[in-house]
Amino acid sequence: MTRQATLKIPRPTDGDLAPPAAGADRFVPGPGAHRRLRDAFGRFATGVSIVTTNSAIGPLGMTANSFSSLSMDPPLVLWAPARKSRRFAAFTEAPHFAIHILAHDQRAMALHFATQGHDFAGFDTVESVTGVPLLAGCLSIFECTLEAVHVGGDHAIVVGRVQVVQTTEGAPLVFGSGRFGGFDPHLVDTHRPR
């Protein structure tokens, strides 16, 4: 029988780090550094989405910037709700849900569903064939069936299999460093990455 050695790597401390580059803030994540870690995560600008489902208590929506495409074949997407959210169980147990990619002029909708998940009043919606509310005016809508849920620390990673896609032209709503903004594709390099 072969015995496998266990490699123990000590966790670095602030004293173990080399001095940061000029103007940089270098630290070890952990207690006391949560705000700094959140600010560092916020440097990555994302699009903004709203996830909707039909739950035991009725239609629900939740704003999320954790959306990502995952696979083309099969067509999979993911998003990550916070475990402390009161809507967490409804979304992680929902057999069907829809992910809406917001347009640049839908900031009010993003703010609304960040706190008022049960209130669809004032928003144009239609119901999908699976009973999920679909919000009008979004750049893309991915109607999904639940594929898997994985533990991800204080969040869960919800993987959906895309069944139907709706898409339209327009500029996306962007979120970065705690603020909403926009994206103008005409102001950046137009060469696509290879």
N, C-alpha and C. Protein backbone atom coordinates (compact mmCIF):
# COMPACT_ATOMS: atom_id res chain seq x y z
N MET A 1 0.85 -1.18 0.00
CA MET A 1 0.00 0.00 0.00
C MET A 1 0.89 1.24 0.00
N THR A 2 0.59 2.14 -0.88
CA THR A 2 1.37 3.37 -0.97
C THR A 2 0.73 4.44 -0.11
N ARG A 3 1.57 5.09 0.69
CA ARG A 3 1.07 6.18 1.53
C ARG A 3 1.28 7.49 0.80
N GLN A 4 0.21 8.27 0.73
CA GLN A 4 0.27 9.54 0.03
C GLN A 4 0.63 10.65 1.01
N ALA A 5 1.62 11.44 0.66
CA ALA A 5 2.03 12.55 1.52
C ALA A 5 1.06 13.71 1.36
N THR A 6 0.82 14.41 2.45
CA THR A 6 -0.03 15.59 2.42
C THR A 6 0.85 16.82 2.49
N LEU A 7 0.68 17.68 1.52
CA LEU A 7 1.46 18.90 1.47
C LEU A 7 0.69 19.99 2.19
N LYS A 8 1.30 20.56 3.21
CA LYS A 8 0.67 21.65 3.95
C LYS A 8 1.33 22.96 3.55
N ILE A 9 0.50 23.85 3.04
CA ILE A 9 1.00 25.15 2.61
C ILE A 9 0.53 26.18 3.62
N PRO A 10 1.45 26.87 4.27
CA PRO A 10 1.03 27.87 5.26
C PRO A 10 0.30 29.03 4.60
N ARG A 11 -0.70 29.53 5.29
CA ARG A 11 -1.46 30.67 4.81
C ARG A 11 -0.62 31.93 4.99
N PRO A 12 -0.50 32.76 3.95
CA PRO A 12 0.32 33.96 4.10
C PRO A 12 -0.33 34.98 5.03
N THR A 13 0.46 35.81 5.58
CA THR A 13 -0.02 36.93 6.40
C THR A 13 0.42 38.21 5.72
N ASP A 14 -0.09 39.34 6.21
CA ASP A 14 0.31 40.63 5.62
C ASP A 14 1.82 40.81 5.63
N GLY A 15 2.48 40.30 6.69
CA GLY A 15 3.93 40.45 6.79
C GLY A 15 4.70 39.64 5.76
N ASP A 16 4.05 38.60 5.18
CA ASP A 16 4.70 37.76 4.18
C ASP A 16 4.65 38.35 2.78
N LEU A 17 3.85 39.36 2.58
CA LEU A 17 3.67 39.91 1.25
C LEU A 17 4.75 40.91 0.90
N ALA A 18 5.13 40.90 -0.36
CA ALA A 18 6.07 41.91 -0.84
C ALA A 18 5.37 43.26 -0.83
N PRO A 19 6.11 44.34 -0.77
CA PRO A 19 5.47 45.66 -0.80
C PRO A 19 4.64 45.82 -2.07
N PRO A 20 3.45 46.44 -1.96
CA PRO A 20 2.62 46.63 -3.16
C PRO A 20 3.26 47.60 -4.14
N ALA A 21 2.88 47.45 -5.39
CA ALA A 21 3.32 48.40 -6.40
C ALA A 21 2.77 49.78 -6.04
N ALA A 22 3.37 50.80 -6.58
CA ALA A 22 2.95 52.17 -6.27
C ALA A 22 1.46 52.33 -6.52
N GLY A 23 0.74 52.76 -5.51
CA GLY A 23 -0.70 52.99 -5.63
C GLY A 23 -1.55 51.76 -5.45
N ALA A 24 -0.93 50.59 -5.28
CA ALA A 24 -1.70 49.35 -5.14
C ALA A 24 -1.96 49.03 -3.67
N ASP A 25 -3.05 48.34 -3.42
CA ASP A 25 -3.41 47.88 -2.07
C ASP A 25 -3.32 46.37 -2.07
N ARG A 26 -2.35 45.81 -1.37
CA ARG A 26 -2.16 44.36 -1.35
C ARG A 26 -2.45 43.86 0.05
N PHE A 27 -3.27 42.80 0.15
CA PHE A 27 -3.68 42.29 1.46
C PHE A 27 -4.05 40.83 1.35
N VAL A 28 -4.20 40.18 2.50
CA VAL A 28 -4.64 38.79 2.56
C VAL A 28 -6.12 38.79 2.92
N PRO A 29 -6.97 38.12 2.11
CA PRO A 29 -8.40 38.07 2.44
C PRO A 29 -8.63 37.40 3.80
N GLY A 30 -9.64 37.84 4.49
CA GLY A 30 -9.99 37.25 5.78
C GLY A 30 -10.69 38.26 6.66
N PRO A 31 -10.90 37.91 7.93
CA PRO A 31 -11.57 38.83 8.85
C PRO A 31 -10.86 40.19 8.87
N GLY A 32 -11.66 41.21 8.83
CA GLY A 32 -11.10 42.56 8.84
C GLY A 32 -10.79 43.09 7.46
N ALA A 33 -10.84 42.24 6.43
CA ALA A 33 -10.51 42.69 5.08
C ALA A 33 -11.69 42.51 4.11
N HIS A 34 -12.89 42.27 4.66
CA HIS A 34 -14.05 42.01 3.79
C HIS A 34 -14.37 43.19 2.88
N ARG A 35 -14.34 44.41 3.42
CA ARG A 35 -14.65 45.58 2.61
C ARG A 35 -13.64 45.75 1.49
N ARG A 36 -12.37 45.53 1.82
CA ARG A 36 -11.32 45.67 0.80
C ARG A 36 -11.47 44.60 -0.28
N LEU A 37 -11.85 43.38 0.13
CA LEU A 37 -12.06 42.30 -0.84
C LEU A 37 -13.25 42.61 -1.74
N ARG A 38 -14.34 43.11 -1.13
CA ARG A 38 -15.51 43.47 -1.93
C ARG A 38 -15.15 44.56 -2.94
N ASP A 39 -14.37 45.56 -2.51
CA ASP A 39 -13.95 46.62 -3.43
C ASP A 39 -13.09 46.07 -4.56
N ALA A 40 -12.22 45.10 -4.23
CA ALA A 40 -11.37 44.49 -5.27
C ALA A 40 -12.22 43.71 -6.27
N PHE A 41 -13.21 42.93 -5.78
CA PHE A 41 -14.12 42.23 -6.68
C PHE A 41 -14.85 43.23 -7.58
N GLY A 42 -15.22 44.37 -7.01
CA GLY A 42 -15.98 45.38 -7.74
C GLY A 42 -15.23 46.01 -8.90
N ARG A 43 -13.91 45.83 -8.96
CA ARG A 43 -13.14 46.37 -10.08
C ARG A 43 -13.47 45.66 -11.38
N PHE A 44 -14.07 44.45 -11.26
CA PHE A 44 -14.46 43.71 -12.46
C PHE A 44 -15.87 44.14 -12.85
N ALA A 45 -15.99 44.93 -13.91
CA ALA A 45 -17.30 45.41 -14.35
C ALA A 45 -18.08 44.26 -14.97
N THR A 46 -19.37 44.21 -14.67
CA THR A 46 -20.23 43.15 -15.19
C THR A 46 -21.48 43.74 -15.81
N GLY A 47 -22.16 42.91 -16.54
CA GLY A 47 -23.50 43.26 -16.96
C GLY A 47 -24.44 43.09 -15.77
N VAL A 48 -25.69 43.44 -15.95
CA VAL A 48 -26.69 43.33 -14.89
C VAL A 48 -27.84 42.47 -15.39
N SER A 49 -28.28 41.54 -14.54
CA SER A 49 -29.38 40.67 -14.93
C SER A 49 -30.44 40.65 -13.83
N ILE A 50 -31.62 40.22 -14.22
CA ILE A 50 -32.68 39.91 -13.26
C ILE A 50 -33.12 38.48 -13.53
N VAL A 51 -33.15 37.69 -12.47
CA VAL A 51 -33.60 36.31 -12.58
C VAL A 51 -35.02 36.25 -12.05
N THR A 52 -35.91 35.59 -12.77
CA THR A 52 -37.31 35.46 -12.34
C THR A 52 -37.69 33.99 -12.28
N THR A 53 -38.65 33.71 -11.41
CA THR A 53 -39.21 32.37 -11.32
C THR A 53 -40.62 32.46 -10.78
N ASN A 54 -41.34 31.36 -10.82
CA ASN A 54 -42.66 31.29 -10.20
C ASN A 54 -42.53 30.34 -9.02
N SER A 55 -42.75 30.85 -7.82
CA SER A 55 -42.52 30.08 -6.60
C SER A 55 -43.84 29.75 -5.92
N ALA A 56 -43.74 29.08 -4.79
CA ALA A 56 -44.93 28.73 -4.01
C ALA A 56 -45.67 29.97 -3.52
N ILE A 57 -44.97 31.10 -3.40
CA ILE A 57 -45.61 32.35 -2.94
C ILE A 57 -45.88 33.30 -4.11
N GLY A 58 -45.73 32.81 -5.33
CA GLY A 58 -46.01 33.62 -6.50
C GLY A 58 -44.75 34.01 -7.25
N PRO A 59 -44.89 34.90 -8.24
CA PRO A 59 -43.73 35.31 -9.04
C PRO A 59 -42.68 36.01 -8.19
N LEU A 60 -41.41 35.72 -8.47
CA LEU A 60 -40.29 36.35 -7.77
C LEU A 60 -39.26 36.82 -8.78
N GLY A 61 -38.58 37.92 -8.44
CA GLY A 61 -37.46 38.41 -9.24
C GLY A 61 -36.30 38.76 -8.33
N MET A 62 -35.10 38.69 -8.87
CA MET A 62 -33.90 39.03 -8.10
C MET A 62 -32.85 39.59 -9.05
N THR A 63 -32.30 40.76 -8.70
CA THR A 63 -31.23 41.35 -9.49
C THR A 63 -29.92 40.63 -9.17
N ALA A 64 -29.14 40.35 -10.21
CA ALA A 64 -27.88 39.64 -10.03
C ALA A 64 -26.86 40.11 -11.06
N ASN A 65 -25.62 40.32 -10.63
CA ASN A 65 -24.56 40.61 -11.60
C ASN A 65 -23.62 39.42 -11.71
N SER A 66 -24.03 38.28 -11.15
CA SER A 66 -23.19 37.08 -11.17
C SER A 66 -23.46 36.18 -12.36
N PHE A 67 -24.26 36.60 -13.31
CA PHE A 67 -24.58 35.78 -14.48
C PHE A 67 -23.34 35.51 -15.33
N SER A 68 -23.26 34.32 -15.88
CA SER A 68 -22.22 34.00 -16.85
C SER A 68 -22.70 32.89 -17.77
N SER A 69 -22.28 32.94 -19.02
CA SER A 69 -22.47 31.78 -19.89
C SER A 69 -21.49 30.71 -19.41
N LEU A 70 -21.86 29.45 -19.59
CA LEU A 70 -21.03 28.36 -19.11
C LEU A 70 -20.66 27.38 -20.22
N SER A 71 -21.61 27.03 -21.06
CA SER A 71 -21.36 26.01 -22.08
C SER A 71 -22.24 26.25 -23.29
N MET A 72 -21.68 25.98 -24.48
CA MET A 72 -22.46 26.06 -25.71
C MET A 72 -23.18 24.75 -26.00
N ASP A 73 -22.54 23.62 -25.68
CA ASP A 73 -23.10 22.32 -25.98
C ASP A 73 -22.84 21.36 -24.82
N PRO A 74 -23.82 21.16 -23.94
CA PRO A 74 -25.18 21.70 -24.00
C PRO A 74 -25.20 23.18 -23.62
N PRO A 75 -26.28 23.89 -23.96
CA PRO A 75 -26.36 25.32 -23.64
C PRO A 75 -26.63 25.54 -22.15
N LEU A 76 -25.60 25.97 -21.42
CA LEU A 76 -25.71 26.16 -19.97
C LEU A 76 -25.30 27.57 -19.59
N VAL A 77 -25.97 28.11 -18.59
CA VAL A 77 -25.63 29.40 -17.99
C VAL A 77 -25.57 29.20 -16.48
N LEU A 78 -25.00 30.19 -15.78
CA LEU A 78 -24.98 30.11 -14.33
C LEU A 78 -25.19 31.48 -13.72
N TRP A 79 -25.61 31.46 -12.45
CA TRP A 79 -25.69 32.67 -11.65
C TRP A 79 -25.53 32.24 -10.20
N ALA A 80 -25.33 33.20 -9.30
CA ALA A 80 -24.98 32.84 -7.93
C ALA A 80 -25.72 33.70 -6.91
N PRO A 81 -26.86 33.21 -6.39
CA PRO A 81 -27.58 33.95 -5.35
C PRO A 81 -26.89 33.81 -3.99
N ALA A 82 -27.03 34.83 -3.16
CA ALA A 82 -26.46 34.81 -1.81
C ALA A 82 -27.31 33.93 -0.90
N ARG A 83 -26.64 33.13 -0.07
CA ARG A 83 -27.34 32.23 0.83
C ARG A 83 -28.16 32.98 1.87
N LYS A 84 -27.77 34.22 2.20
CA LYS A 84 -28.50 34.98 3.22
C LYS A 84 -29.77 35.64 2.67
N SER A 85 -29.97 35.59 1.36
CA SER A 85 -31.16 36.19 0.76
C SER A 85 -32.41 35.44 1.18
N ARG A 86 -33.49 36.17 1.47
CA ARG A 86 -34.77 35.54 1.80
C ARG A 86 -35.36 34.80 0.60
N ARG A 87 -34.87 35.12 -0.61
CA ARG A 87 -35.36 34.48 -1.83
C ARG A 87 -34.50 33.29 -2.24
N PHE A 88 -33.46 32.99 -1.45
CA PHE A 88 -32.49 31.96 -1.82
C PHE A 88 -33.15 30.61 -2.09
N ALA A 89 -33.94 30.10 -1.16
CA ALA A 89 -34.53 28.77 -1.31
C ALA A 89 -35.44 28.70 -2.53
N ALA A 90 -36.23 29.75 -2.74
CA ALA A 90 -37.15 29.75 -3.88
C ALA A 90 -36.39 29.62 -5.20
N PHE A 91 -35.25 30.30 -5.31
CA PHE A 91 -34.50 30.27 -6.57
C PHE A 91 -33.66 29.01 -6.73
N THR A 92 -33.09 28.49 -5.66
CA THR A 92 -32.26 27.30 -5.79
C THR A 92 -33.08 26.02 -5.94
N GLU A 93 -34.38 26.11 -5.61
CA GLU A 93 -35.26 24.94 -5.75
C GLU A 93 -36.19 25.04 -6.96
N ALA A 94 -36.16 26.16 -7.65
CA ALA A 94 -37.08 26.37 -8.79
C ALA A 94 -36.70 25.47 -9.97
N PRO A 95 -37.65 24.70 -10.49
CA PRO A 95 -37.34 23.85 -11.65
C PRO A 95 -37.19 24.66 -12.94
N HIS A 96 -37.79 25.85 -12.97
CA HIS A 96 -37.73 26.71 -14.16
C HIS A 96 -37.44 28.15 -13.71
N PHE A 97 -36.62 28.85 -14.46
CA PHE A 97 -36.36 30.27 -14.20
C PHE A 97 -35.91 30.94 -15.49
N ALA A 98 -35.91 32.27 -15.47
CA ALA A 98 -35.46 33.03 -16.64
C ALA A 98 -34.45 34.07 -16.20
N ILE A 99 -33.41 34.24 -16.99
CA ILE A 99 -32.38 35.25 -16.74
C ILE A 99 -32.51 36.33 -17.81
N HIS A 100 -32.70 37.58 -17.35
CA HIS A 100 -32.89 38.72 -18.24
C HIS A 100 -31.63 39.59 -18.21
N ILE A 101 -31.06 39.88 -19.36
CA ILE A 101 -29.90 40.77 -19.46
C ILE A 101 -30.44 42.18 -19.71
N LEU A 102 -30.10 43.10 -18.79
CA LEU A 102 -30.73 44.43 -18.82
C LEU A 102 -30.06 45.39 -19.81
N ALA A 103 -30.90 46.25 -20.38
CA ALA A 103 -30.45 47.31 -21.27
C ALA A 103 -30.02 48.52 -20.45
N HIS A 104 -29.28 49.42 -21.09
CA HIS A 104 -28.70 50.58 -20.40
C HIS A 104 -29.74 51.46 -19.71
N ASP A 105 -30.98 51.44 -20.17
CA ASP A 105 -32.02 52.31 -19.60
C ASP A 105 -32.90 51.58 -18.57
N GLN A 106 -32.45 50.42 -18.08
CA GLN A 106 -33.26 49.65 -17.13
C GLN A 106 -32.68 49.64 -15.71
N ARG A 107 -31.98 50.71 -15.37
CA ARG A 107 -31.41 50.84 -14.02
C ARG A 107 -32.49 50.78 -12.95
N ALA A 108 -33.61 51.46 -13.17
CA ALA A 108 -34.70 51.48 -12.18
C ALA A 108 -35.22 50.07 -11.92
N MET A 109 -35.31 49.27 -12.97
CA MET A 109 -35.76 47.89 -12.82
C MET A 109 -34.75 47.09 -11.98
N ALA A 110 -33.46 47.28 -12.23
CA ALA A 110 -32.42 46.59 -11.46
C ALA A 110 -32.51 46.95 -9.98
N LEU A 111 -32.66 48.22 -9.69
CA LEU A 111 -32.77 48.67 -8.29
C LEU A 111 -34.02 48.12 -7.63
N HIS A 112 -35.13 48.08 -8.36
CA HIS A 112 -36.38 47.59 -7.82
C HIS A 112 -36.27 46.13 -7.39
N PHE A 113 -35.78 45.28 -8.29
CA PHE A 113 -35.73 43.85 -7.99
C PHE A 113 -34.58 43.48 -7.05
N ALA A 114 -33.70 44.43 -6.77
CA ALA A 114 -32.67 44.18 -5.76
C ALA A 114 -33.30 44.10 -4.36
N THR A 115 -34.44 44.77 -4.18
CA THR A 115 -35.09 44.77 -2.86
C THR A 115 -36.53 44.29 -2.86
N GLN A 116 -37.23 44.43 -3.97
CA GLN A 116 -38.66 44.10 -4.04
C GLN A 116 -38.90 42.92 -4.98
N GLY A 117 -38.54 41.74 -4.55
CA GLY A 117 -38.60 40.58 -5.43
C GLY A 117 -39.98 40.10 -5.79
N HIS A 118 -40.98 40.42 -5.00
CA HIS A 118 -42.34 39.90 -5.24
C HIS A 118 -43.22 40.88 -6.01
N ASP A 119 -42.75 42.11 -6.23
CA ASP A 119 -43.58 43.17 -6.78
C ASP A 119 -43.25 43.42 -8.26
N PHE A 120 -44.15 42.97 -9.14
CA PHE A 120 -43.98 43.16 -10.57
C PHE A 120 -44.85 44.29 -11.11
N ALA A 121 -45.54 44.99 -10.22
CA ALA A 121 -46.43 46.08 -10.64
C ALA A 121 -45.64 47.16 -11.37
N GLY A 122 -46.18 47.63 -12.47
CA GLY A 122 -45.53 48.70 -13.22
C GLY A 122 -44.56 48.21 -14.28
N PHE A 123 -44.33 46.90 -14.35
CA PHE A 123 -43.43 46.34 -15.36
C PHE A 123 -44.23 45.45 -16.31
N ASP A 124 -43.95 45.59 -17.62
CA ASP A 124 -44.62 44.76 -18.62
C ASP A 124 -44.06 43.35 -18.54
N THR A 125 -44.94 42.38 -18.33
CA THR A 125 -44.51 40.99 -18.25
C THR A 125 -45.46 40.10 -19.05
N VAL A 126 -44.92 38.98 -19.50
CA VAL A 126 -45.74 37.90 -20.04
C VAL A 126 -45.30 36.65 -19.30
N GLU A 127 -46.13 35.63 -19.34
CA GLU A 127 -45.81 34.39 -18.66
C GLU A 127 -45.31 33.37 -19.68
N SER A 128 -44.18 32.72 -19.34
CA SER A 128 -43.65 31.68 -20.23
C SER A 128 -44.55 30.44 -20.16
N VAL A 129 -44.28 29.47 -21.01
CA VAL A 129 -45.09 28.25 -20.99
C VAL A 129 -44.90 27.47 -19.70
N THR A 130 -43.82 27.74 -18.97
CA THR A 130 -43.60 27.07 -17.68
C THR A 130 -44.08 27.92 -16.51
N GLY A 131 -44.73 29.06 -16.78
CA GLY A 131 -45.27 29.89 -15.72
C GLY A 131 -44.32 30.91 -15.14
N VAL A 132 -43.15 31.09 -15.75
CA VAL A 132 -42.16 32.05 -15.27
C VAL A 132 -42.45 33.42 -15.86
N PRO A 133 -42.45 34.49 -15.03
CA PRO A 133 -42.67 35.83 -15.57
C PRO A 133 -41.47 36.30 -16.39
N LEU A 134 -41.75 36.84 -17.58
CA LEU A 134 -40.71 37.36 -18.47
C LEU A 134 -40.89 38.87 -18.58
N LEU A 135 -39.83 39.61 -18.32
CA LEU A 135 -39.85 41.07 -18.31
C LEU A 135 -39.57 41.61 -19.71
N ALA A 136 -40.35 42.59 -20.13
CA ALA A 136 -40.20 43.16 -21.47
C ALA A 136 -39.04 44.14 -21.53
N GLY A 137 -38.48 44.30 -22.74
CA GLY A 137 -37.48 45.32 -23.00
C GLY A 137 -36.05 44.94 -22.70
N CYS A 138 -35.79 43.69 -22.33
CA CYS A 138 -34.44 43.26 -21.98
C CYS A 138 -33.67 42.87 -23.24
N LEU A 139 -32.34 42.95 -23.18
CA LEU A 139 -31.52 42.64 -24.34
C LEU A 139 -31.57 41.16 -24.70
N SER A 140 -31.53 40.30 -23.68
CA SER A 140 -31.66 38.86 -23.89
C SER A 140 -32.44 38.27 -22.74
N ILE A 141 -33.18 37.22 -23.03
CA ILE A 141 -33.87 36.45 -21.99
C ILE A 141 -33.55 34.98 -22.24
N PHE A 142 -33.04 34.32 -21.21
CA PHE A 142 -32.73 32.90 -21.27
C PHE A 142 -33.73 32.16 -20.40
N GLU A 143 -34.62 31.40 -21.02
CA GLU A 143 -35.56 30.57 -20.27
C GLU A 143 -34.87 29.24 -19.99
N CYS A 144 -34.79 28.89 -18.71
CA CYS A 144 -33.95 27.76 -18.29
C CYS A 144 -34.69 26.74 -17.45
N THR A 145 -34.19 25.52 -17.48
CA THR A 145 -34.57 24.50 -16.51
C THR A 145 -33.36 24.30 -15.60
N LEU A 146 -33.63 23.98 -14.34
CA LEU A 146 -32.55 23.81 -13.37
C LEU A 146 -31.72 22.58 -13.73
N GLU A 147 -30.41 22.77 -13.85
CA GLU A 147 -29.49 21.69 -14.18
C GLU A 147 -28.76 21.20 -12.92
N ALA A 148 -28.27 22.15 -12.09
CA ALA A 148 -27.52 21.76 -10.89
C ALA A 148 -27.38 22.97 -9.97
N VAL A 149 -27.17 22.68 -8.70
CA VAL A 149 -26.86 23.71 -7.70
C VAL A 149 -25.62 23.25 -6.95
N HIS A 150 -24.62 24.12 -6.86
CA HIS A 150 -23.37 23.79 -6.18
C HIS A 150 -23.13 24.79 -5.05
N VAL A 151 -22.60 24.32 -3.94
CA VAL A 151 -22.24 25.21 -2.84
C VAL A 151 -21.06 26.06 -3.28
N GLY A 152 -21.14 27.35 -2.98
CA GLY A 152 -20.05 28.25 -3.32
C GLY A 152 -19.81 29.23 -2.20
N GLY A 153 -19.42 28.74 -1.02
CA GLY A 153 -19.18 29.62 0.12
C GLY A 153 -20.47 30.23 0.60
N ASP A 154 -20.53 31.56 0.67
CA ASP A 154 -21.75 32.23 1.13
C ASP A 154 -22.76 32.45 0.02
N HIS A 155 -22.50 31.87 -1.15
CA HIS A 155 -23.43 31.87 -2.27
C HIS A 155 -23.64 30.42 -2.74
N ALA A 156 -24.55 30.23 -3.67
CA ALA A 156 -24.68 28.95 -4.37
C ALA A 156 -24.51 29.24 -5.86
N ILE A 157 -24.01 28.27 -6.59
CA ILE A 157 -23.86 28.39 -8.03
C ILE A 157 -25.01 27.61 -8.66
N VAL A 158 -25.92 28.34 -9.30
CA VAL A 158 -27.08 27.73 -9.93
C VAL A 158 -26.81 27.61 -11.43
N VAL A 159 -26.84 26.39 -11.92
CA VAL A 159 -26.61 26.14 -13.34
C VAL A 159 -27.95 25.85 -14.01
N GLY A 160 -28.22 26.55 -15.10
CA GLY A 160 -29.45 26.35 -15.83
C GLY A 160 -29.19 25.88 -17.25
N ARG A 161 -30.05 25.00 -17.73
CA ARG A 161 -29.99 24.57 -19.13
C ARG A 161 -30.94 25.46 -19.93
N VAL A 162 -30.41 26.14 -20.92
CA VAL A 162 -31.19 27.09 -21.71
C VAL A 162 -32.12 26.33 -22.66
N GLN A 163 -33.41 26.66 -22.57
CA GLN A 163 -34.42 26.02 -23.41
C GLN A 163 -34.89 26.92 -24.55
N VAL A 164 -35.03 28.22 -24.23
CA VAL A 164 -35.51 29.21 -25.22
C VAL A 164 -34.73 30.50 -24.99
N VAL A 165 -34.39 31.19 -26.08
CA VAL A 165 -33.68 32.47 -25.99
C VAL A 165 -34.44 33.52 -26.77
N GLN A 166 -34.58 34.71 -26.17
CA GLN A 166 -35.09 35.89 -26.87
C GLN A 166 -33.97 36.92 -26.84
N THR A 167 -33.77 37.64 -27.93
CA THR A 167 -32.70 38.64 -27.94
C THR A 167 -33.10 39.82 -28.82
N THR A 168 -32.56 40.99 -28.48
CA THR A 168 -32.80 42.20 -29.26
C THR A 168 -31.54 43.05 -29.21
N GLU A 169 -31.47 44.05 -30.06
CA GLU A 169 -30.30 44.93 -30.11
C GLU A 169 -30.38 46.01 -29.04
N GLY A 170 -29.22 46.52 -28.62
CA GLY A 170 -29.18 47.61 -27.66
C GLY A 170 -27.91 47.59 -26.85
N ALA A 171 -27.69 48.64 -26.08
CA ALA A 171 -26.51 48.74 -25.22
C ALA A 171 -26.85 48.19 -23.84
N PRO A 172 -25.91 47.50 -23.20
CA PRO A 172 -26.17 46.88 -21.91
C PRO A 172 -26.01 47.84 -20.73
N LEU A 173 -26.70 47.53 -19.65
CA LEU A 173 -26.45 48.18 -18.37
C LEU A 173 -25.22 47.51 -17.76
N VAL A 174 -24.31 48.31 -17.20
CA VAL A 174 -23.06 47.80 -16.65
C VAL A 174 -22.96 48.19 -15.18
N PHE A 175 -22.35 47.33 -14.37
CA PHE A 175 -22.14 47.60 -12.95
C PHE A 175 -20.67 47.39 -12.61
N GLY A 176 -20.06 48.38 -11.99
CA GLY A 176 -18.66 48.28 -11.59
C GLY A 176 -18.34 49.26 -10.49
N SER A 177 -17.51 48.84 -9.54
CA SER A 177 -17.11 49.67 -8.41
C SER A 177 -18.32 50.27 -7.68
N GLY A 178 -19.39 49.46 -7.57
CA GLY A 178 -20.56 49.87 -6.82
C GLY A 178 -21.48 50.84 -7.54
N ARG A 179 -21.27 51.04 -8.84
CA ARG A 179 -22.09 52.00 -9.59
C ARG A 179 -22.58 51.41 -10.90
N PHE A 180 -23.73 51.91 -11.34
CA PHE A 180 -24.26 51.56 -12.65
C PHE A 180 -23.66 52.48 -13.70
N GLY A 181 -23.48 51.96 -14.90
CA GLY A 181 -22.97 52.76 -15.99
C GLY A 181 -23.39 52.14 -17.30
N GLY A 182 -22.73 52.55 -18.36
CA GLY A 182 -23.07 52.05 -19.68
C GLY A 182 -21.83 51.60 -20.42
N PHE A 183 -22.06 51.08 -21.60
CA PHE A 183 -20.97 50.61 -22.45
C PHE A 183 -21.26 51.04 -23.87
N ASP A 184 -20.29 51.72 -24.48
CA ASP A 184 -20.43 52.14 -25.86
C ASP A 184 -19.40 51.39 -26.69
N PRO A 185 -19.83 50.41 -27.48
CA PRO A 185 -18.87 49.61 -28.24
C PRO A 185 -18.09 50.42 -29.27
N HIS A 186 -18.55 51.63 -29.59
CA HIS A 186 -17.86 52.45 -30.57
C HIS A 186 -16.66 53.19 -29.98
N LEU A 187 -16.52 53.15 -28.64
CA LEU A 187 -15.42 53.86 -28.00
C LEU A 187 -14.23 52.94 -27.71
N VAL A 188 -14.32 51.68 -28.07
CA VAL A 188 -13.25 50.73 -27.77
C VAL A 188 -12.77 50.06 -29.05
N ASP A 189 -11.66 49.35 -28.92
CA ASP A 189 -11.09 48.60 -30.04
C ASP A 189 -12.13 47.63 -30.59
N THR A 190 -12.33 47.63 -31.89
CA THR A 190 -13.36 46.78 -32.49
C THR A 190 -12.84 45.41 -32.89
N HIS A 191 -11.55 45.14 -32.68
CA HIS A 191 -11.01 43.83 -33.03
C HIS A 191 -11.46 42.80 -32.02
N ARG A 192 -11.95 41.67 -32.50
CA ARG A 192 -12.40 40.60 -31.62
C ARG A 192 -11.20 39.77 -31.18
N PRO A 193 -11.22 39.26 -29.91
CA PRO A 193 -10.12 38.38 -29.49
C PRO A 193 -10.17 37.08 -30.27
N ARG A 194 -9.02 36.48 -30.48
CA ARG A 194 -8.96 35.21 -31.23
C ARG A 194 -9.03 34.05 -30.29
